[in-house]
Structure formats: C-alpha cells, structure tokens
C-alpha cells in the first residue's frame, strides 16, 4: 500500500492517499446501520472522514450528486484516486447522507437528521434530499403547537442558511415567540436581513398583543362595573365617599383597584 499526499481542487475535499481497495464479493449489507464500513461488490472508492473509511461506489454517488459526478468524471485529482479525504464533515453525518443514496429502508426525519443531511445535500447538490428536508419542515409548520420554541428557531436557521421555501412561514411563526426564546444560539448565525425582519415582526406582534390586552381589560372593567351593586357607603379606608346605607365599595375605588391589580385581565 502506497501513500501519496496531494491537494484537491474541490473545496473541502482532499485526496489523501492512493491505496488498493480490497476486492470483495460481499453483497451490499442492506440491514446494516453502517453498510460502508467494509468493501462490498461494486465498491470502487473509499471516502475518508475523520480518519475512518467509508466504502462506496462512484456510479451511485454520481447518479445522486453532480458534485460527485464532476469529481469522478471530470478533470480533478479525485478521478483516479482510490481514497479521498472529506474534510469539514462529521463521520456520522456522512454515513447518514450516504445511507439516503442506498434507499434500502426508510428513516425517520427529525431535527438532528436535518442538521446532518441538509448541509451535505446543499454542498453536493442533491436536490431530492433538499426536497425531503423541505417536506419535513413543512409538516412541522402545520403543527406549531407540538414543536418547541428552540425547534422553531432551528428550522428558521436552516431555511435561512440554505434558502428553503418555508422561510417566510417560519418568520411568522417565530415572531410570536418571546424575545428570550428568539435570542438563542440559533439567532446569531441568521443573515442580517432575516434578523431585522424577525425583530420587526416581533415588534408588530407586541403592539398587537398590547392593543388586544387593553381592549380585553376595558371590556372586563365595563362588564364588572355594569353588574356591580354599588353601595351607598364605601368601606375602603382610603375612600372619603360616605353615603347613607350599607357599607361596600364605591365605583371609583373598584375602578382604581382593577387598574392597580389588573384583575380584569
């Protein structure tokens, strides 16, 4: 086995070594959680991620990704390499990503899956993977009560970073969160115009909430004072109203009490 180090022209992909891939007649292990740990019949290239090898075949990767197609069939060093180092990518994320290219069983999509797959789908231009992620986000938006505030902010970040179609819907959804819920670690990486848009929408929501609260308070005060049986003598220590029948609270004292304690909200 020989080791020949060389640089690559594919961004975060680097040709690290050229080594002989052990021949194997093993069929693709469809039931394995990680079927790429060893060579199988048809595997003809090795991806090295975080120092670990993943055995794959160029044809399958090229069918899914124009980036892989250019890498293997174009004028890049990777074309004839037998081992290719993939940088800036987590090993488990790459396994998940590759697993979608060999669809032998379905996978449950969740936020963790999205965080792993979407960046790789974007970089390798695998559009149908992006569509899967967009469908998941769309389903989450349809049931906003069941997802946490942190998840809403995470989905907003994914839509913002990768220009997904549900960005506006998530801006509407997240604008109803509190400022504390908005200002999480998912807020800072947002693009500047998205931050401004979100905070402007939050201010508008706050104004609407305040107006609705004022209206509710006024309606409650009106209903309360309308049905109150007013006493002729006010029992409030601070009230100077003294009339001629049984003690109670005068209209002014009740209104003041409601204002101070917001009992009508």
Protein backbone atom coordinates (compact mmCIF):
# COMPACT_ATOMS: atom_id res chain seq x y z
CA UNK A 1 0.00 0.00 0.00
CA UNK A 2 1.44 3.34 -1.00
CA UNK A 3 0.60 6.74 0.45
CA UNK A 4 0.74 9.74 -1.83
CA UNK A 5 -0.43 13.05 -0.34
CA UNK A 6 -1.89 15.63 -2.73
CA UNK A 7 -4.18 18.66 -2.63
CA UNK A 8 -7.61 18.77 -4.23
CA UNK A 9 -9.48 21.47 -6.12
CA UNK A 10 -12.87 20.52 -4.69
CA UNK A 11 -13.07 22.85 -1.67
CA UNK A 12 -13.41 20.74 1.47
CA UNK A 13 -12.43 17.51 -0.30
CA UNK A 14 -8.82 16.38 -0.33
CA UNK A 15 -7.13 13.40 -1.98
CA UNK A 16 -5.10 11.95 0.85
CA UNK A 17 -3.81 8.57 -0.30
CA UNK A 18 -3.96 6.05 -3.07
CA UNK A 19 -4.27 2.52 -1.79
CA UNK A 20 -5.56 -0.69 -3.14
CA UNK A 21 -9.13 -1.35 -2.15
CA UNK A 22 -9.50 -4.97 -1.10
CA UNK A 23 -11.56 -6.88 -3.62
CA UNK A 24 -14.74 -8.38 -2.23
CA UNK A 25 -17.70 -10.32 -3.46
CA UNK A 26 -19.72 -9.31 -0.40
CA UNK A 27 -23.16 -8.01 -1.34
CA UNK A 28 -24.33 -4.63 -0.09
CA UNK A 29 -25.41 -5.19 3.55
CA UNK A 30 -28.93 -3.80 3.40
CA UNK A 31 -29.72 -4.40 7.09
CA UNK A 32 -26.61 -2.75 8.48
CA UNK A 33 -26.81 0.66 10.15
CA UNK A 34 -23.45 1.44 8.53
CA UNK A 35 -23.02 -0.67 5.39
CA UNK A 36 -19.96 1.31 4.31
CA UNK A 37 -17.54 0.06 6.96
CA UNK A 38 -16.05 -2.56 4.63
CA UNK A 39 -15.90 -3.15 0.90
CA UNK A 40 -18.76 -4.79 -0.98
CA UNK A 41 -19.34 -5.99 -4.52
CA UNK A 42 -19.22 -2.86 -6.67
CA UNK A 43 -17.44 -0.54 -4.24
CA UNK A 44 -14.63 1.19 -6.10
CA UNK A 45 -13.62 4.20 -4.00
CA UNK A 46 -13.05 4.98 -0.32
CA UNK A 47 -14.12 8.20 1.40
CA UNK A 48 -12.04 9.00 4.48
CA UNK A 49 -13.97 11.05 7.03
CA UNK A 50 -12.46 11.91 10.42
CA UNK A 51 -9.84 9.23 9.78
CA UNK A 52 -12.43 6.48 9.18
CA UNK A 53 -13.02 4.75 5.85
CA UNK A 54 -16.32 4.53 4.01
CA UNK A 55 -16.51 2.16 1.04
CA UNK A 56 -18.82 3.38 -1.73
CA UNK A 57 -19.22 3.12 -5.50
CA UNK A 58 -18.71 6.06 -7.82
CA UNK A 59 -21.71 5.28 -10.01
CA UNK A 60 -24.27 5.55 -7.21
CA UNK A 61 -22.78 8.76 -5.83
CA UNK A 62 -22.60 10.29 -9.30
CA UNK A 63 -26.23 9.47 -10.03
CA UNK A 64 -27.31 11.46 -6.97
CA UNK A 65 -24.82 14.31 -6.93
CA UNK A 66 -23.44 16.46 -9.78
CA UNK A 67 -20.57 17.36 -7.46
CA UNK A 68 -19.56 13.72 -7.09
CA UNK A 69 -20.09 13.25 -10.82
CA UNK A 70 -17.68 16.07 -11.60
CA UNK A 71 -15.25 14.75 -9.00
CA UNK A 72 -15.12 11.27 -10.51
CA UNK A 73 -15.58 12.02 -14.23
CA UNK A 74 -14.08 15.49 -14.58
CA UNK A 75 -10.55 16.83 -14.56
CA UNK A 76 -9.97 16.66 -10.82
CA UNK A 77 -7.38 14.66 -8.92
CA UNK A 78 -10.16 12.58 -7.35
CA UNK A 79 -10.97 10.96 -10.70
CA UNK A 80 -8.29 8.28 -10.37
CA UNK A 81 -7.89 8.29 -6.60
CA UNK A 82 -8.88 5.24 -4.62
CA UNK A 83 -9.06 7.06 -1.30
CA UNK A 84 -10.45 10.58 -0.92
CA UNK A 85 -10.43 12.56 2.31
CA UNK A 86 -13.59 14.53 3.02
CA UNK A 87 -12.87 17.44 5.33
CA UNK A 88 -15.15 19.63 7.46
CA UNK A 89 -17.73 16.85 7.74
CA UNK A 90 -18.72 14.64 10.66
CA UNK A 91 -18.36 10.90 10.13
CA UNK A 92 -21.87 10.04 11.37
CA UNK A 93 -23.38 12.80 9.24
CA UNK A 94 -21.67 11.40 6.12
CA UNK A 95 -22.91 7.89 6.94
CA UNK A 96 -26.46 9.22 7.19
CA UNK A 97 -26.04 11.14 3.98
CA UNK A 98 -24.70 8.15 2.06
CA UNK A 99 -27.42 5.93 3.54
CA UNK A 100 -30.01 8.01 1.68
CA UNK A 101 -28.28 7.19 -1.61
CA UNK A 102 -28.80 3.48 -0.99
CA UNK A 103 -32.51 3.56 -0.06
CA UNK A 104 -32.96 0.05 1.29
CA UNK A 105 -35.08 1.20 4.24
CA UNK A 106 -36.83 4.37 5.31
CA UNK A 107 -35.55 6.71 8.01
CA UNK A 108 -37.38 8.93 10.46
CA UNK A 109 -36.55 12.56 9.73
CA UNK A 110 -36.09 14.82 12.75
CA UNK A 111 -34.14 17.98 13.60
CA UNK A 112 -30.93 16.03 14.21
CA UNK A 113 -31.27 14.28 10.86
CA UNK A 114 -31.90 17.66 9.22
CA UNK A 115 -28.77 19.16 10.78
CA UNK A 116 -26.67 16.30 9.37
CA UNK A 117 -28.19 15.87 5.92
CA UNK A 118 -29.10 19.37 4.77
CA UNK A 119 -25.57 20.86 4.70
CA UNK A 120 -24.29 17.85 2.75
CA UNK A 121 -27.28 17.85 0.39
CA UNK A 122 -26.62 21.52 -0.29
CA UNK A 123 -22.87 21.11 -0.84
CA UNK A 124 -23.20 18.04 -3.07
CA UNK A 125 -26.28 19.49 -4.82
CA UNK A 126 -28.54 16.51 -4.13
CA UNK A 127 -31.83 18.27 -4.81
CA UNK A 128 -34.18 15.43 -3.88
CA UNK A 129 -32.57 15.28 -0.42
CA UNK A 130 -33.23 19.01 -0.05
CA UNK A 131 -36.85 18.35 -1.05
CA UNK A 132 -37.15 15.71 1.69
CA UNK A 133 -35.88 18.21 4.23
CA UNK A 134 -38.28 20.90 2.97
CA UNK A 135 -41.19 18.46 3.23
CA UNK A 136 -40.26 17.73 6.85
CA UNK A 137 -40.11 21.44 7.68
CA UNK A 138 -43.48 21.99 6.00
CA UNK A 139 -45.02 19.23 8.13
CA UNK A 140 -43.63 20.80 11.29
CA UNK A 141 -45.06 24.20 10.38
CA UNK A 142 -48.52 22.64 10.06
CA UNK A 143 -48.43 21.63 13.74
CA UNK A 144 -46.77 24.57 15.52
CA UNK A 145 -48.23 23.72 18.93
CA UNK A 146 -46.34 20.43 19.09
CA UNK A 147 -42.85 21.79 18.40
CA UNK A 148 -40.68 23.68 20.87
CA UNK A 149 -39.53 27.27 20.55
CA UNK A 150 -35.94 26.04 20.12
CA UNK A 151 -37.02 23.79 17.25
CA UNK A 152 -38.85 26.68 15.55
CA UNK A 153 -35.69 28.81 15.72
CA UNK A 154 -33.57 25.92 14.43
CA UNK A 155 -35.88 25.39 11.44
CA UNK A 156 -35.78 29.13 10.73
CA UNK A 157 -31.97 28.99 10.72
CA UNK A 158 -31.96 26.04 8.29
CA UNK A 159 -34.36 27.81 5.92
CA UNK A 160 -32.30 30.99 6.12
CA UNK A 161 -28.92 29.32 5.62
CA UNK A 162 -29.98 27.10 2.72
CA UNK A 163 -32.62 29.34 1.08
CA UNK A 164 -35.53 26.96 1.62
CA UNK A 165 -39.07 27.82 0.62
CA UNK A 166 -40.58 27.91 4.13
CA UNK A 167 -38.56 30.92 5.35
CA UNK A 168 -41.49 33.39 5.39
CA UNK A 169 -43.79 30.93 7.14
CA UNK A 170 -41.20 30.39 9.85
CA UNK A 171 -40.67 34.13 10.25
CA UNK A 172 -44.38 34.44 11.01
CA UNK A 173 -44.19 31.51 13.43
CA UNK A 174 -41.10 32.64 15.32
CA UNK A 175 -42.23 36.27 15.53
CA UNK A 176 -44.80 35.13 18.10
CA UNK A 177 -42.09 33.85 20.45
CA UNK A 178 -40.78 35.89 23.34
CA UNK A 179 -37.52 37.80 22.93
CA UNK A 180 -35.85 35.36 25.31
CA UNK A 181 -36.97 32.44 23.14
CA UNK A 182 -35.76 34.21 19.99
CA UNK A 183 -32.32 35.23 21.28
CA UNK A 184 -30.86 31.70 21.33
CA UNK A 185 -27.75 30.26 19.68
CA UNK A 186 -29.86 29.84 16.52
CA UNK A 187 -30.42 33.60 16.26
CA UNK A 188 -26.85 34.87 15.88
CA UNK A 189 -25.99 32.86 12.69
CA UNK A 190 -29.04 34.25 10.86
CA UNK A 191 -28.39 36.61 7.98
CA UNK A 192 -28.67 40.29 8.94
CA UNK A 193 -31.78 40.96 6.84
CA UNK A 194 -33.50 37.92 8.39
CA UNK A 195 -32.69 39.16 11.90
CA UNK A 196 -34.13 42.58 11.10
CA UNK A 197 -37.22 41.04 9.51
CA UNK A 198 -37.81 38.80 12.51
CA UNK A 199 -37.39 41.56 15.10
CA UNK A 200 -39.63 43.97 13.14
CA UNK A 201 -42.33 41.31 13.02
CA UNK A 202 -41.86 40.68 16.77
CA UNK A 203 -42.39 44.41 17.47
CA UNK A 204 -45.57 44.39 15.42
CA UNK A 205 -46.81 41.33 17.33
CA UNK A 206 -46.01 43.05 20.63
CA UNK A 207 -48.07 46.09 19.61
CA UNK A 208 -50.97 43.88 18.57
CA UNK A 209 -50.75 41.92 21.83
CA UNK A 210 -50.71 45.16 23.85
CA UNK A 211 -53.74 46.54 21.99
CA UNK A 212 -55.62 43.28 22.48
CA UNK A 213 -54.77 43.29 26.20
CA UNK A 214 -56.00 46.87 26.58
CA UNK A 215 -59.23 46.02 24.81
CA UNK A 216 -59.74 42.95 26.98
CA UNK A 217 -59.10 44.97 30.14
CA UNK A 218 -61.54 47.71 29.13
CA UNK A 219 -64.23 45.19 28.22
CA UNK A 220 -63.78 43.38 31.53
CA UNK A 221 -63.89 46.63 33.50
CA UNK A 222 -67.05 47.71 31.71
CA UNK A 223 -68.76 44.37 32.34
CA UNK A 224 -67.69 44.34 36.00
CA UNK A 225 -68.80 47.86 36.82
CA UNK A 226 -72.06 47.42 34.94
CA UNK A 227 -73.14 44.45 37.07
CA UNK A 228 -71.72 45.71 40.39
CA UNK A 229 -74.26 46.52 43.12
CA UNK A 230 -72.94 49.85 44.31
CA UNK A 231 -73.01 50.58 48.00
CA UNK A 232 -74.04 53.89 49.38
CA UNK A 233 -71.21 53.84 51.93
CA UNK A 234 -67.68 52.93 50.79
CA UNK A 235 -65.81 50.61 53.16
CA UNK A 236 -62.44 51.42 51.58
CA UNK A 237 -60.15 53.07 54.16
CA UNK A 238 -58.79 55.46 51.55
CA UNK A 239 -62.18 56.46 50.23
CA UNK A 240 -63.90 59.56 51.51
CA UNK A 241 -67.25 58.67 49.97
CA UNK A 242 -69.79 58.38 52.70
CA UNK A 243 -73.37 57.83 51.77
CA UNK A 244 -76.32 56.66 53.82
CA UNK A 245 -76.73 52.88 53.52
CA UNK A 246 -74.82 49.60 53.95
CA UNK A 247 -71.01 49.64 53.52
CA UNK A 248 -69.32 48.45 50.35
CA UNK A 249 -67.02 49.84 47.64
CA UNK A 250 -67.78 52.90 45.62
CA UNK A 251 -67.40 52.92 41.81
CA UNK A 252 -64.17 54.95 41.92
CA UNK A 253 -62.49 52.56 44.38
CA UNK A 254 -63.41 49.46 42.35
CA UNK A 255 -62.11 51.02 39.13
CA UNK A 256 -58.87 52.05 40.85
CA UNK A 257 -58.45 48.58 42.34
CA UNK A 258 -58.92 46.96 38.92
CA UNK A 259 -56.36 49.29 37.36
CA UNK A 260 -53.77 48.63 40.03
CA UNK A 261 -54.11 44.84 40.22
CA UNK A 262 -55.22 44.02 36.65
CA UNK A 263 -57.90 41.69 37.93
CA UNK A 264 -59.82 42.14 34.72
CA UNK A 265 -57.05 40.56 32.54
